[in-house]
Amino acid sequence: MMRPNIDRDSSAWWSALAEHRLVVQRCSRCATYRFAPRALCPQCGSFDWDWAQMSGSGTVASWTVTHRRFLPQFETPYTVLLVRLAEADNILVPGGWAGDPDGTGLHIGLTVHVQYVEMPDESGEPAITLLQWASQDLN
């Protein structure tokens, strides 16, 4: 599996995912939520921020269905969503789709909630936790 590049700005986010918690950065000066994690607030330029716990609910803003493998171990088709979080609709958080691999049943505005998927690594590296989005109807 290709592993994400975990850097200084995103390491706390990946650690929270490993604990099955969805967090995003929030500027301490202007309270703007931001994703992907980074040092500088895009709204006010502040370097001061904290991590805010999210409920894990949101709505589908967009998706893409992939039919071509870019690595042999990936089954196709598969669908990746962009989700507007309930608490922070100014940001889009990507994740896999827990429903039909071809995206059947998706529509803009569909309410979804986060699930956590442990992805083992064949090279002996520790498993990494990824986000997956599920419709309320899939439970």
C-alpha atoms as a PDB file:
ATOM      1  CA  MET A   1       0.000   0.000   0.000  1.00  0.00           C
ATOM      2  CA  MET A   2       1.166   3.523  -0.705  1.00  0.00           C
ATOM      3  CA  ARG A   3       1.370   5.313   2.621  1.00  0.00           C
ATOM      4  CA  PRO A   4       0.416   8.965   3.048  1.00  0.00           C
ATOM      5  CA  ASN A   5       3.189  11.449   3.687  1.00  0.00           C
ATOM      6  CA  ILE A   6       2.836  12.153   7.410  1.00  0.00           C
ATOM      7  CA  ASP A   7       4.577  15.433   8.123  1.00  0.00           C
ATOM      8  CA  ARG A   8       4.933  17.888  11.003  1.00  0.00           C
ATOM      9  CA  ASP A   9       1.605  19.590  10.296  1.00  0.00           C
ATOM     10  CA  SER A  10      -0.463  16.425   9.788  1.00  0.00           C
ATOM     11  CA  SER A  11       1.018  13.995  12.342  1.00  0.00           C
ATOM     12  CA  ALA A  12      -1.497  14.909  15.080  1.00  0.00           C
ATOM     13  CA  TRP A  13      -4.355  14.401  12.593  1.00  0.00           C
ATOM     14  CA  TRP A  14      -3.122  10.903  11.708  1.00  0.00           C
ATOM     15  CA  SER A  15      -2.674  10.106  15.408  1.00  0.00           C
ATOM     16  CA  ALA A  16      -6.287  11.137  16.095  1.00  0.00           C
ATOM     17  CA  LEU A  17      -7.501   8.916  13.233  1.00  0.00           C
ATOM     18  CA  ALA A  18      -5.620   5.986  14.784  1.00  0.00           C
ATOM     19  CA  GLU A  19      -7.683   6.638  17.939  1.00  0.00           C
ATOM     20  CA  HIS A  20     -10.878   6.753  15.801  1.00  0.00           C
ATOM     21  CA  ARG A  21     -11.339  10.479  16.338  1.00  0.00           C
ATOM     22  CA  LEU A  22     -11.980  13.008  13.582  1.00  0.00           C
ATOM     23  CA  VAL A  23     -10.330  16.356  14.312  1.00  0.00           C
ATOM     24  CA  VAL A  24      -9.570  19.446  12.238  1.00  0.00           C
ATOM     25  CA  GLN A  25      -7.454  22.469  12.939  1.00  0.00           C
ATOM     26  CA  ARG A  26      -9.135  25.653  14.175  1.00  0.00           C
ATOM     27  CA  CYS A  27      -7.411  29.030  14.177  1.00  0.00           C
ATOM     28  CA  SER A  28      -7.039  30.390  17.710  1.00  0.00           C
ATOM     29  CA  ARG A  29      -7.332  33.975  16.455  1.00  0.00           C
ATOM     30  CA  CYS A  30     -10.281  33.942  14.026  1.00  0.00           C
ATOM     31  CA  ALA A  31     -11.814  30.477  14.774  1.00  0.00           C
ATOM     32  CA  THR A  32     -11.671  29.402  11.115  1.00  0.00           C
ATOM     33  CA  TYR A  33     -11.615  25.634  10.639  1.00  0.00           C
ATOM     34  CA  ARG A  34      -9.102  24.336   8.109  1.00  0.00           C
ATOM     35  CA  PHE A  35      -8.219  21.137   6.297  1.00  0.00           C
ATOM     36  CA  ALA A  36      -5.660  19.906   5.283  1.00  0.00           C
ATOM     37  CA  PRO A  37      -3.568  20.605   8.392  1.00  0.00           C
ATOM     38  CA  ARG A  38      -1.012  23.376   7.946  1.00  0.00           C
ATOM     39  CA  ALA A  39       0.888  25.914  10.017  1.00  0.00           C
ATOM     40  CA  LEU A  40      -0.712  29.124   8.723  1.00  0.00           C
ATOM     41  CA  CYS A  41      -4.368  30.208   8.841  1.00  0.00           C
ATOM     42  CA  PRO A  42      -5.527  31.022   5.290  1.00  0.00           C
ATOM     43  CA  GLN A  43      -8.073  33.523   6.654  1.00  0.00           C
ATOM     44  CA  CYS A  44      -6.030  35.741   8.998  1.00  0.00           C
ATOM     45  CA  GLY A  45      -2.436  34.526   8.672  1.00  0.00           C
ATOM     46  CA  SER A  46      -2.091  33.449  12.306  1.00  0.00           C
ATOM     47  CA  PHE A  47       0.282  30.672  13.321  1.00  0.00           C
ATOM     48  CA  ASP A  48      -1.818  29.926  16.445  1.00  0.00           C
ATOM     49  CA  TRP A  49      -4.259  27.021  16.265  1.00  0.00           C
ATOM     50  CA  ASP A  50      -5.679  24.038  18.125  1.00  0.00           C
ATOM     51  CA  TRP A  51      -7.415  20.786  17.210  1.00  0.00           C
ATOM     52  CA  ALA A  52     -11.229  20.680  17.300  1.00  0.00           C
ATOM     53  CA  GLN A  53     -13.151  17.430  17.700  1.00  0.00           C
ATOM     54  CA  MET A  54     -15.759  16.884  14.966  1.00  0.00           C
ATOM     55  CA  SER A  55     -18.920  14.788  15.244  1.00  0.00           C
ATOM     56  CA  GLY A  56     -18.059  12.778  12.134  1.00  0.00           C
ATOM     57  CA  SER A  57     -21.255  13.751  10.314  1.00  0.00           C
ATOM     58  CA  GLY A  58     -21.443  15.682   7.096  1.00  0.00           C
ATOM     59  CA  THR A  59     -22.944  15.898   3.628  1.00  0.00           C
ATOM     60  CA  VAL A  60     -21.618  14.749   0.279  1.00  0.00           C
ATOM     61  CA  ALA A  61     -20.260  17.645  -1.773  1.00  0.00           C
ATOM     62  CA  SER A  62     -18.707  15.625  -4.597  1.00  0.00           C
ATOM     63  CA  TRP A  63     -17.344  12.209  -5.516  1.00  0.00           C
ATOM     64  CA  THR A  64     -15.359  10.399  -8.154  1.00  0.00           C
ATOM     65  CA  VAL A  65     -15.557   6.787  -9.256  1.00  0.00           C
ATOM     66  CA  THR A  66     -12.268   5.268 -10.369  1.00  0.00           C
ATOM     67  CA  HIS A  67     -12.307   2.400 -12.851  1.00  0.00           C
ATOM     68  CA  ARG A  68      -8.557   2.076 -13.491  1.00  0.00           C
ATOM     69  CA  ARG A  69      -6.093   0.574 -11.044  1.00  0.00           C
ATOM     70  CA  PHE A  70      -3.059   2.624 -10.232  1.00  0.00           C
ATOM     71  CA  LEU A  71      -1.703  -0.162  -8.001  1.00  0.00           C
ATOM     72  CA  PRO A  72      -2.392  -3.892  -8.448  1.00  0.00           C
ATOM     73  CA  GLN A  73      -3.821  -4.346  -4.929  1.00  0.00           C
ATOM     74  CA  PHE A  74      -6.673  -1.862  -5.444  1.00  0.00           C
ATOM     75  CA  GLU A  75      -9.995  -3.327  -6.500  1.00  0.00           C
ATOM     76  CA  THR A  76     -11.937  -1.321  -9.059  1.00  0.00           C
ATOM     77  CA  PRO A  77     -14.218   0.422  -9.250  1.00  0.00           C
ATOM     78  CA  TYR A  78     -13.909   2.407  -6.034  1.00  0.00           C
ATOM     79  CA  THR A  79     -15.401   5.725  -4.998  1.00  0.00           C
ATOM     80  CA  VAL A  80     -13.841   8.638  -3.135  1.00  0.00           C
ATOM     81  CA  LEU A  81     -16.057  11.308  -1.560  1.00  0.00           C
ATOM     82  CA  LEU A  82     -15.517  14.925  -0.582  1.00  0.00           C
ATOM     83  CA  VAL A  83     -17.635  15.655   2.485  1.00  0.00           C
ATOM     84  CA  ARG A  84     -18.638  18.970   4.092  1.00  0.00           C
ATOM     85  CA  LEU A  85     -18.453  18.469   7.844  1.00  0.00           C
ATOM     86  CA  ALA A  86     -21.538  19.374   9.878  1.00  0.00           C
ATOM     87  CA  GLU A  87     -19.526  21.733  12.102  1.00  0.00           C
ATOM     88  CA  ALA A  88     -17.302  23.159   9.380  1.00  0.00           C
ATOM     89  CA  ASP A  89     -18.980  23.395   5.988  1.00  0.00           C
ATOM     90  CA  ASN A  90     -16.151  25.605   4.696  1.00  0.00           C
ATOM     91  CA  ILE A  91     -13.863  22.575   4.329  1.00  0.00           C
ATOM     92  CA  LEU A  92     -14.037  19.341   2.357  1.00  0.00           C
ATOM     93  CA  VAL A  93     -12.674  16.124   3.846  1.00  0.00           C
ATOM     94  CA  PRO A  94     -11.927  13.223   1.495  1.00  0.00           C
ATOM     95  CA  GLY A  95     -12.525   9.578   2.250  1.00  0.00           C
ATOM     96  CA  GLY A  96     -13.580   6.298   0.734  1.00  0.00           C
ATOM     97  CA  TRP A  97     -17.223   5.315   0.215  1.00  0.00           C
ATOM     98  CA  ALA A  98     -18.634   2.450   2.281  1.00  0.00           C
ATOM     99  CA  GLY A  99     -21.507   1.886  -0.136  1.00  0.00           C
ATOM    100  CA  ASP A 100     -21.547   0.315  -3.582  1.00  0.00           C
ATOM    101  CA  PRO A 101     -18.068   0.593  -5.138  1.00  0.00           C
ATOM    102  CA  ASP A 102     -19.545   2.227  -8.258  1.00  0.00           C
ATOM    103  CA  GLY A 103     -21.133   5.032  -6.227  1.00  0.00           C
ATOM    104  CA  THR A 104     -24.717   3.875  -6.717  1.00  0.00           C
ATOM    105  CA  GLY A 105     -27.047   5.791  -4.411  1.00  0.00           C
ATOM    106  CA  LEU A 106     -24.819   8.828  -3.965  1.00  0.00           C
ATOM    107  CA  HIS A 107     -26.176  12.322  -4.412  1.00  0.00           C
ATOM    108  CA  ILE A 108     -25.050  15.813  -3.488  1.00  0.00           C
ATOM    109  CA  GLY A 109     -26.270  16.618   0.012  1.00  0.00           C
ATOM    110  CA  LEU A 110     -26.518  12.981   1.161  1.00  0.00           C
ATOM    111  CA  THR A 111     -25.931  12.791   4.919  1.00  0.00           C
ATOM    112  CA  VAL A 112     -22.969  10.580   5.781  1.00  0.00           C
ATOM    113  CA  HIS A 113     -20.973   9.689   8.864  1.00  0.00           C
ATOM    114  CA  VAL A 114     -17.375   8.681   9.313  1.00  0.00           C
ATOM    115  CA  GLN A 115     -16.063   5.172   9.733  1.00  0.00           C
ATOM    116  CA  TYR A 116     -12.452   4.217  10.380  1.00  0.00           C
ATOM    117  CA  VAL A 117     -10.675   1.564   8.335  1.00  0.00           C
ATOM    118  CA  GLU A 118      -7.413  -0.019   9.450  1.00  0.00           C
ATOM    119  CA  MET A 119      -5.182  -0.604   6.444  1.00  0.00           C
ATOM    120  CA  PRO A 120      -2.429  -3.150   7.136  1.00  0.00           C
ATOM    121  CA  ASP A 121       0.915  -2.670   5.463  1.00  0.00           C
ATOM    122  CA  GLU A 122       2.530  -5.669   3.760  1.00  0.00           C
ATOM    123  CA  SER A 123       6.028  -4.227   4.273  1.00  0.00           C
ATOM    124  CA  GLY A 124       5.837  -4.613   8.046  1.00  0.00           C
ATOM    125  CA  GLU A 125       5.012  -0.966   8.770  1.00  0.00           C
ATOM    126  CA  PRO A 126       2.245  -0.418  11.342  1.00  0.00           C
ATOM    127  CA  ALA A 127      -1.319  -0.290  10.036  1.00  0.00           C
ATOM    128  CA  ILE A 128      -2.627   3.145   9.141  1.00  0.00           C
ATOM    129  CA  THR A 129      -6.177   4.354   9.757  1.00  0.00           C
ATOM    130  CA  LEU A 130      -8.095   5.875   6.848  1.00  0.00           C
ATOM    131  CA  LEU A 131     -11.486   7.587   6.661  1.00  0.00           C
ATOM    132  CA  GLN A 132     -14.458   5.996   5.012  1.00  0.00           C
ATOM    133  CA  TRP A 133     -17.884   7.623   4.703  1.00  0.00           C
ATOM    134  CA  ALA A 134     -21.150   5.714   5.092  1.00  0.00           C
ATOM    135  CA  SER A 135     -24.749   6.736   4.498  1.00  0.00           C
ATOM    136  CA  GLN A 136     -27.048   6.723   7.510  1.00  0.00           C
ATOM    137  CA  ASP A 137     -29.042   4.122   5.536  1.00  0.00           C
ATOM    138  CA  LEU A 138     -26.119   1.638   5.495  1.00  0.00           C
ATOM    139  CA  ASN A 139     -26.217   0.976   9.255  1.00  0.00           C
END
